[in-house]
Amino acid sequence: MRIVVLALTAALSLAACGRSSPTGGAQTEVPGDGAFPDLAQESYRAEGTLTTPEGHTVPSVMIRSAGKLRWEVSAPEGSLILIRSGRSIRAPAIFITNAADAESIIIPSWNDGRPVALRVNDGDQSPAAEWGVELAVHAIRTGSCSVADENGSEWRRSDEEGEQTACVTTDGIILRAGGAGWTPSWEATRVERGPQDAALFEVPSGVEVVDMR
C-alpha cells in the first residue's frame, strides 16, 4: 500500500529522486561493506522537502526513535490524501508507525473539523518505507554521497516501478531518496541526532482513533 498526496491542483505522491554518481558518469557497483544500513538503529529528526515529478515541493519531517517513526507532510490545507484501498482523508497530515506491530496511525490536521485519527495496517509511506528490509536487501552500493552536511553511501535497486536510488548514512538515516514513475523525491536539509520525545509517537489526547484495518 502506498499513499499519494494530491494537492487541489496537482498530484503529490511519496518516495523520491536520486542523484548521479559523484563523477557524473554511469554508476557501477562498489565492492566493500555490502550490507544496507539498518534504518532503525538511530534516533533523529530530519527536516527536508518532497518534490513531485511536476516540480511541486512541500516541507516534510521524519522523526525516528528506533522502530518508531513519525512522518509529517505539510501539504497545502485541504489537499486530498488518497490511500490505495480507496479511503481518503485531507492534508496536512502526520503518520506514526511502530515497526513492532506493523501498524500505523494517520492523523489529518484538517478533517471537517473533527479530531480523528485512522488506524491502518502497513501504513508507513515515508521514504524510509521505500527502503525497508525486504526491499533494501537487493540494493547495490554505487558510491559516496553528501547531503545536508552529512556523508553517506549511494544505493541503487530496481523494482516493478523502475530504478530507485538513495543516499543513506552508515547509521541508517535516509538523506535523499527517489526513483522512476509517479514517485516524488525526498531530500533532507537538516539532521539532528538524539533522543526524541516519546509523546511524538502517540496519538494526542482528545483525538478519536477510528480503526480502518
C-alpha atoms as a PDB file:
ATOM      1  CA  MET A   1       0.000   0.000   0.000  1.00  0.00           C
ATOM      2  CA  ARG A   2       1.276   3.453  -0.938  1.00  0.00           C
ATOM      3  CA  ILE A   3      -0.055   6.900  -0.250  1.00  0.00           C
ATOM      4  CA  VAL A   4      -0.476   9.643  -2.806  1.00  0.00           C
ATOM      5  CA  VAL A   5      -0.837  13.200  -1.569  1.00  0.00           C
ATOM      6  CA  LEU A   6      -2.748  15.202  -4.169  1.00  0.00           C
ATOM      7  CA  ALA A   7      -2.763  18.997  -3.960  1.00  0.00           C
ATOM      8  CA  LEU A   8      -6.008  20.518  -5.209  1.00  0.00           C
ATOM      9  CA  THR A   9      -4.249  21.449  -8.418  1.00  0.00           C
ATOM     10  CA  ALA A  10      -1.517  18.820  -8.739  1.00  0.00           C
ATOM     11  CA  ALA A  11      -0.627  15.310  -7.632  1.00  0.00           C
ATOM     12  CA  LEU A  12       1.751  14.749  -4.757  1.00  0.00           C
ATOM     13  CA  SER A  13       2.934  11.193  -4.155  1.00  0.00           C
ATOM     14  CA  LEU A  14       5.593   9.842  -1.839  1.00  0.00           C
ATOM     15  CA  ALA A  15       9.024   8.305  -2.335  1.00  0.00           C
ATOM     16  CA  ALA A  16      11.893  10.278  -4.062  1.00  0.00           C
ATOM     17  CA  CYS A  17      14.635  11.131  -6.542  1.00  0.00           C
ATOM     18  CA  GLY A  18      18.331  10.279  -6.543  1.00  0.00           C
ATOM     19  CA  ARG A  19      21.497  11.849  -7.851  1.00  0.00           C
ATOM     20  CA  SER A  20      24.142  10.592 -10.279  1.00  0.00           C
ATOM     21  CA  SER A  21      27.458   9.289  -9.095  1.00  0.00           C
ATOM     22  CA  PRO A  22      29.968  11.847  -7.733  1.00  0.00           C
ATOM     23  CA  THR A  23      31.855  11.763 -11.014  1.00  0.00           C
ATOM     24  CA  GLY A  24      28.718  12.472 -13.020  1.00  0.00           C
ATOM     25  CA  GLY A  25      29.128   9.274 -15.046  1.00  0.00           C
ATOM     26  CA  ALA A  26      27.372   5.932 -15.007  1.00  0.00           C
ATOM     27  CA  GLN A  27      27.026   4.268 -11.631  1.00  0.00           C
ATOM     28  CA  THR A  28      28.783   0.971 -11.053  1.00  0.00           C
ATOM     29  CA  GLU A  29      28.783  -1.401  -8.116  1.00  0.00           C
ATOM     30  CA  VAL A  30      31.280  -0.532  -5.389  1.00  0.00           C
ATOM     31  CA  PRO A  31      32.681  -3.549  -3.507  1.00  0.00           C
ATOM     32  CA  GLY A  32      33.057  -3.207   0.243  1.00  0.00           C
ATOM     33  CA  ASP A  33      30.913  -3.305   3.353  1.00  0.00           C
ATOM     34  CA  GLY A  34      27.984  -4.583   1.297  1.00  0.00           C
ATOM     35  CA  ALA A  35      25.038  -4.606   3.714  1.00  0.00           C
ATOM     36  CA  PHE A  36      22.446  -1.849   3.511  1.00  0.00           C
ATOM     37  CA  PRO A  37      22.321   0.110   6.820  1.00  0.00           C
ATOM     38  CA  ASP A  38      19.737  -0.693   9.480  1.00  0.00           C
ATOM     39  CA  LEU A  39      17.224   2.186   9.311  1.00  0.00           C
ATOM     40  CA  ALA A  40      16.003   1.633  12.879  1.00  0.00           C
ATOM     41  CA  GLN A  41      19.304   1.952  14.745  1.00  0.00           C
ATOM     42  CA  GLU A  42      19.344   5.735  15.282  1.00  0.00           C
ATOM     43  CA  SER A  43      17.093   8.341  16.891  1.00  0.00           C
ATOM     44  CA  TYR A  44      16.904  11.612  14.984  1.00  0.00           C
ATOM     45  CA  ARG A  45      14.885  14.432  13.460  1.00  0.00           C
ATOM     46  CA  ALA A  46      15.382  15.055   9.738  1.00  0.00           C
ATOM     47  CA  GLU A  47      13.810  18.087   8.096  1.00  0.00           C
ATOM     48  CA  GLY A  48      13.530  18.128   4.331  1.00  0.00           C
ATOM     49  CA  THR A  49      11.358  18.524   1.260  1.00  0.00           C
ATOM     50  CA  LEU A  50       9.290  16.344  -1.023  1.00  0.00           C
ATOM     51  CA  THR A  51       9.333  17.254  -4.716  1.00  0.00           C
ATOM     52  CA  THR A  52       6.781  15.821  -7.157  1.00  0.00           C
ATOM     53  CA  PRO A  53       7.646  14.874 -10.743  1.00  0.00           C
ATOM     54  CA  GLU A  54       5.726  18.040 -11.684  1.00  0.00           C
ATOM     55  CA  GLY A  55       8.131  20.142  -9.628  1.00  0.00           C
ATOM     56  CA  HIS A  56       5.863  20.968  -6.674  1.00  0.00           C
ATOM     57  CA  THR A  57       7.635  20.951  -3.298  1.00  0.00           C
ATOM     58  CA  VAL A  58       6.311  20.727   0.254  1.00  0.00           C
ATOM     59  CA  PRO A  59       8.081  20.614   3.636  1.00  0.00           C
ATOM     60  CA  SER A  60       8.357  17.220   5.317  1.00  0.00           C
ATOM     61  CA  VAL A  61       9.872  15.941   8.563  1.00  0.00           C
ATOM     62  CA  MET A  62      10.944  12.422   9.566  1.00  0.00           C
ATOM     63  CA  ILE A  63      11.396  11.751  13.292  1.00  0.00           C
ATOM     64  CA  ARG A  64      12.633   8.348  14.409  1.00  0.00           C
ATOM     65  CA  SER A  65      13.177   6.585  17.693  1.00  0.00           C
ATOM     66  CA  ALA A  66      14.447   3.108  16.830  1.00  0.00           C
ATOM     67  CA  GLY A  67      11.440   1.182  15.444  1.00  0.00           C
ATOM     68  CA  LYS A  68       9.044   4.102  15.811  1.00  0.00           C
ATOM     69  CA  LEU A  69       8.703   6.675  13.055  1.00  0.00           C
ATOM     70  CA  ARG A  70       6.757   9.930  12.814  1.00  0.00           C
ATOM     71  CA  TRP A  71       6.403  11.442   9.358  1.00  0.00           C
ATOM     72  CA  GLU A  72       4.915  14.917   8.913  1.00  0.00           C
ATOM     73  CA  VAL A  73       3.766  16.137   5.494  1.00  0.00           C
ATOM     74  CA  SER A  74       2.940  19.832   5.254  1.00  0.00           C
ATOM     75  CA  ALA A  75       0.852  19.685   2.101  1.00  0.00           C
ATOM     76  CA  PRO A  76      -1.445  22.643   1.365  1.00  0.00           C
ATOM     77  CA  GLU A  77      -4.501  22.899   3.617  1.00  0.00           C
ATOM     78  CA  GLY A  78      -7.331  20.741   2.329  1.00  0.00           C
ATOM     79  CA  SER A  79      -5.195  18.733  -0.106  1.00  0.00           C
ATOM     80  CA  LEU A  80      -6.583  15.283  -0.676  1.00  0.00           C
ATOM     81  CA  ILE A  81      -4.698  12.227   0.583  1.00  0.00           C
ATOM     82  CA  LEU A  82      -5.697   9.030  -1.170  1.00  0.00           C
ATOM     83  CA  ILE A  83      -4.957   5.569   0.204  1.00  0.00           C
ATOM     84  CA  ARG A  84      -4.745   2.875  -2.461  1.00  0.00           C
ATOM     85  CA  SER A  85      -7.506   0.829  -0.816  1.00  0.00           C
ATOM     86  CA  GLY A  86      -9.914   3.638  -1.678  1.00  0.00           C
ATOM     87  CA  ARG A  87     -10.045   5.521   1.618  1.00  0.00           C
ATOM     88  CA  SER A  88      -9.238   9.216   1.689  1.00  0.00           C
ATOM     89  CA  ILE A  89      -8.506  11.972   4.193  1.00  0.00           C
ATOM     90  CA  ARG A  90      -7.292  15.567   3.992  1.00  0.00           C
ATOM     91  CA  ALA A  91      -3.829  17.051   4.460  1.00  0.00           C
ATOM     92  CA  PRO A  92      -1.630  18.294   6.062  1.00  0.00           C
ATOM     93  CA  ALA A  93      -1.170  15.055   7.943  1.00  0.00           C
ATOM     94  CA  ILE A  94       1.016  13.132  10.380  1.00  0.00           C
ATOM     95  CA  PHE A  95       1.839   9.431  10.017  1.00  0.00           C
ATOM     96  CA  ILE A  96       3.023   7.427  13.037  1.00  0.00           C
ATOM     97  CA  THR A  97       4.330   3.889  12.576  1.00  0.00           C
ATOM     98  CA  ASN A  98       5.551   1.283  15.045  1.00  0.00           C
ATOM     99  CA  ALA A  99       7.533  -1.479  13.375  1.00  0.00           C
ATOM    100  CA  ALA A 100       6.788  -3.806  16.295  1.00  0.00           C
ATOM    101  CA  ASP A 101       3.141  -4.208  15.266  1.00  0.00           C
ATOM    102  CA  ALA A 102       3.268  -3.149  11.573  1.00  0.00           C
ATOM    103  CA  GLU A 103       0.510  -0.700  12.360  1.00  0.00           C
ATOM    104  CA  SER A 104       0.214   2.974  11.503  1.00  0.00           C
ATOM    105  CA  ILE A 105      -1.811   5.921  12.702  1.00  0.00           C
ATOM    106  CA  ILE A 106      -2.729   8.665  10.239  1.00  0.00           C
ATOM    107  CA  ILE A 107      -3.622  12.000  11.836  1.00  0.00           C
ATOM    108  CA  PRO A 108      -5.013  14.606   9.429  1.00  0.00           C
ATOM    109  CA  SER A 109      -4.881  18.189  10.679  1.00  0.00           C
ATOM    110  CA  TRP A 110      -7.969  19.027   8.621  1.00  0.00           C
ATOM    111  CA  ASN A 111     -10.896  16.588   8.583  1.00  0.00           C
ATOM    112  CA  ASP A 112     -14.162  18.536   8.607  1.00  0.00           C
ATOM    113  CA  GLY A 113     -13.190  19.937  11.991  1.00  0.00           C
ATOM    114  CA  ARG A 114     -13.194  16.518  13.680  1.00  0.00           C
ATOM    115  CA  PRO A 115     -10.130  15.460  15.739  1.00  0.00           C
ATOM    116  CA  VAL A 116      -9.913  11.975  14.211  1.00  0.00           C
ATOM    117  CA  ALA A 117      -7.009   9.599  13.563  1.00  0.00           C
ATOM    118  CA  LEU A 118      -7.091   6.473  11.391  1.00  0.00           C
ATOM    119  CA  ARG A 119      -5.512   3.163  12.416  1.00  0.00           C
ATOM    120  CA  VAL A 120      -4.381   1.158   9.372  1.00  0.00           C
ATOM    121  CA  ASN A 121      -2.175  -1.849   8.654  1.00  0.00           C
ATOM    122  CA  ASP A 122       1.197  -1.375   7.000  1.00  0.00           C
ATOM    123  CA  GLY A 123       0.669   2.356   6.664  1.00  0.00           C
ATOM    124  CA  ASP A 124       4.283   3.560   6.733  1.00  0.00           C
ATOM    125  CA  GLN A 125       4.533   5.511   3.483  1.00  0.00           C
ATOM    126  CA  SER A 126       7.617   7.551   4.345  1.00  0.00           C
ATOM    127  CA  PRO A 127      10.781   7.465   2.215  1.00  0.00           C
ATOM    128  CA  ALA A 128      12.138   5.040   4.820  1.00  0.00           C
ATOM    129  CA  ALA A 129       9.370   2.580   3.930  1.00  0.00           C
ATOM    130  CA  GLU A 130      10.596   2.546   0.335  1.00  0.00           C
ATOM    131  CA  TRP A 131      13.887   1.125   1.662  1.00  0.00           C
ATOM    132  CA  GLY A 132      12.592  -1.428   4.142  1.00  0.00           C
ATOM    133  CA  VAL A 133      14.445  -4.667   4.823  1.00  0.00           C
ATOM    134  CA  GLU A 134      12.661  -6.701   2.151  1.00  0.00           C
ATOM    135  CA  LEU A 135      13.483  -4.074  -0.499  1.00  0.00           C
ATOM    136  CA  ALA A 136      16.934  -2.906   0.579  1.00  0.00           C
ATOM    137  CA  VAL A 137      18.303  -6.446   0.561  1.00  0.00           C
ATOM    138  CA  HIS A 138      18.548  -6.123  -3.220  1.00  0.00           C
ATOM    139  CA  ALA A 139      20.295  -2.740  -3.163  1.00  0.00           C
ATOM    140  CA  ILE A 140      23.752  -2.205  -4.649  1.00  0.00           C
ATOM    141  CA  ARG A 141      26.158   0.364  -3.227  1.00  0.00           C
ATOM    142  CA  THR A 142      27.324   2.609  -6.080  1.00  0.00           C
ATOM    143  CA  GLY A 143      29.490   5.254  -4.398  1.00  0.00           C
ATOM    144  CA  SER A 144      29.608   8.019  -1.813  1.00  0.00           C
ATOM    145  CA  CYS A 145      27.277  10.986  -1.358  1.00  0.00           C
ATOM    146  CA  SER A 146      26.847  14.091   0.776  1.00  0.00           C
ATOM    147  CA  VAL A 147      23.578  15.824   1.698  1.00  0.00           C
ATOM    148  CA  ALA A 148      22.713  18.382   4.414  1.00  0.00           C
ATOM    149  CA  ASP A 149      26.299  18.368   5.748  1.00  0.00           C
ATOM    150  CA  GLU A 150      26.065  14.593   6.227  1.00  0.00           C
ATOM    151  CA  ASN A 151      28.053  11.900   4.409  1.00  0.00           C
ATOM    152  CA  GLY A 152      26.667   8.598   3.258  1.00  0.00           C
ATOM    153  CA  SER A 153      26.643   5.913   0.587  1.00  0.00           C
ATOM    154  CA  GLU A 154      24.649   5.960  -2.627  1.00  0.00           C
ATOM    155  CA  TRP A 155      22.474   2.885  -3.176  1.00  0.00           C
ATOM    156  CA  ARG A 156      20.514   1.630  -6.175  1.00  0.00           C
ATOM    157  CA  ARG A 157      17.833  -1.013  -6.557  1.00  0.00           C
ATOM    158  CA  SER A 158      15.144  -1.885  -9.091  1.00  0.00           C
ATOM    159  CA  ASP A 159      11.535  -2.963  -8.649  1.00  0.00           C
ATOM    160  CA  GLU A 160       8.416  -3.257 -10.787  1.00  0.00           C
ATOM    161  CA  GLU A 161       8.134   0.541 -10.961  1.00  0.00           C
ATOM    162  CA  GLY A 162      11.690   1.147 -12.092  1.00  0.00           C
ATOM    163  CA  GLU A 163      15.019   2.129 -10.572  1.00  0.00           C
ATOM    164  CA  GLN A 164      15.196   3.626  -7.073  1.00  0.00           C
ATOM    165  CA  THR A 165      18.195   5.410  -5.570  1.00  0.00           C
ATOM    166  CA  ALA A 166      19.017   6.610  -2.053  1.00  0.00           C
ATOM    167  CA  CYS A 167      21.779   8.353  -0.137  1.00  0.00           C
ATOM    168  CA  VAL A 168      21.990   6.779   3.335  1.00  0.00           C
ATOM    169  CA  THR A 169      24.332   7.381   6.274  1.00  0.00           C
ATOM    170  CA  THR A 170      26.124   4.463   7.919  1.00  0.00           C
ATOM    171  CA  ASP A 171      23.771   4.799  10.907  1.00  0.00           C
ATOM    172  CA  GLY A 172      20.685   4.461   8.723  1.00  0.00           C
ATOM    173  CA  ILE A 173      19.418   7.993   8.044  1.00  0.00           C
ATOM    174  CA  ILE A 174      17.999   8.470   4.549  1.00  0.00           C
ATOM    175  CA  LEU A 175      19.353  11.783   3.291  1.00  0.00           C
ATOM    176  CA  ARG A 176      17.918  11.575  -0.206  1.00  0.00           C
ATOM    177  CA  ALA A 177      15.713   9.045  -1.973  1.00  0.00           C
ATOM    178  CA  GLY A 178      13.788   8.742  -5.187  1.00  0.00           C
ATOM    179  CA  GLY A 179      13.119   6.925  -8.380  1.00  0.00           C
ATOM    180  CA  ALA A 180      11.182   6.395 -11.560  1.00  0.00           C
ATOM    181  CA  GLY A 181       7.469   6.597 -12.234  1.00  0.00           C
ATOM    182  CA  TRP A 182       4.988   8.632 -10.193  1.00  0.00           C
ATOM    183  CA  THR A 183       7.127   8.818  -7.076  1.00  0.00           C
ATOM    184  CA  PRO A 184       8.398  12.193  -5.831  1.00  0.00           C
ATOM    185  CA  SER A 185      11.781  12.925  -4.288  1.00  0.00           C
ATOM    186  CA  TRP A 186      12.847  13.378  -0.691  1.00  0.00           C
ATOM    187  CA  GLU A 187      15.927  15.355   0.315  1.00  0.00           C
ATOM    188  CA  ALA A 188      16.983  16.246   3.832  1.00  0.00           C
ATOM    189  CA  THR A 189      18.003  19.814   4.592  1.00  0.00           C
ATOM    190  CA  ARG A 190      18.850  19.381   8.287  1.00  0.00           C
ATOM    191  CA  VAL A 191      19.554  16.373  10.506  1.00  0.00           C
ATOM    192  CA  GLU A 192      19.672  16.352  14.312  1.00  0.00           C
ATOM    193  CA  ARG A 193      20.548  13.124  16.121  1.00  0.00           C
ATOM    194  CA  GLY A 194      19.470  12.425  19.680  1.00  0.00           C
ATOM    195  CA  PRO A 195      16.616  11.067  21.819  1.00  0.00           C
ATOM    196  CA  GLN A 196      13.122  12.080  20.729  1.00  0.00           C
ATOM    197  CA  ASP A 197      10.113  12.854  22.919  1.00  0.00           C
ATOM    198  CA  ALA A 198       8.042   9.664  23.307  1.00  0.00           C
ATOM    199  CA  ALA A 199       4.850  11.730  23.026  1.00  0.00           C
ATOM    200  CA  LEU A 200       5.631  12.364  19.363  1.00  0.00           C
ATOM    201  CA  PHE A 201       4.813   8.720  18.626  1.00  0.00           C
ATOM    202  CA  GLU A 202       1.488   8.678  20.465  1.00  0.00           C
ATOM    203  CA  VAL A 203      -1.995   9.843  19.467  1.00  0.00           C
ATOM    204  CA  PRO A 204      -2.664  13.227  21.107  1.00  0.00           C
ATOM    205  CA  SER A 205      -5.182  13.360  23.931  1.00  0.00           C
ATOM    206  CA  GLY A 206      -8.706  14.056  22.723  1.00  0.00           C
ATOM    207  CA  VAL A 207      -8.197  12.598  19.259  1.00  0.00           C
ATOM    208  CA  GLU A 208     -10.616   9.788  18.364  1.00  0.00           C
ATOM    209  CA  VAL A 209      -8.967   6.774  16.741  1.00  0.00           C
ATOM    210  CA  VAL A 210     -11.012   5.075  14.021  1.00  0.00           C
ATOM    211  CA  ASP A 211      -9.938   1.505  13.227  1.00  0.00           C
ATOM    212  CA  MET A 212      -9.772   1.041   9.433  1.00  0.00           C
ATOM    213  CA  ARG A 213      -7.760  -2.194   9.335  1.00  0.00           C
END
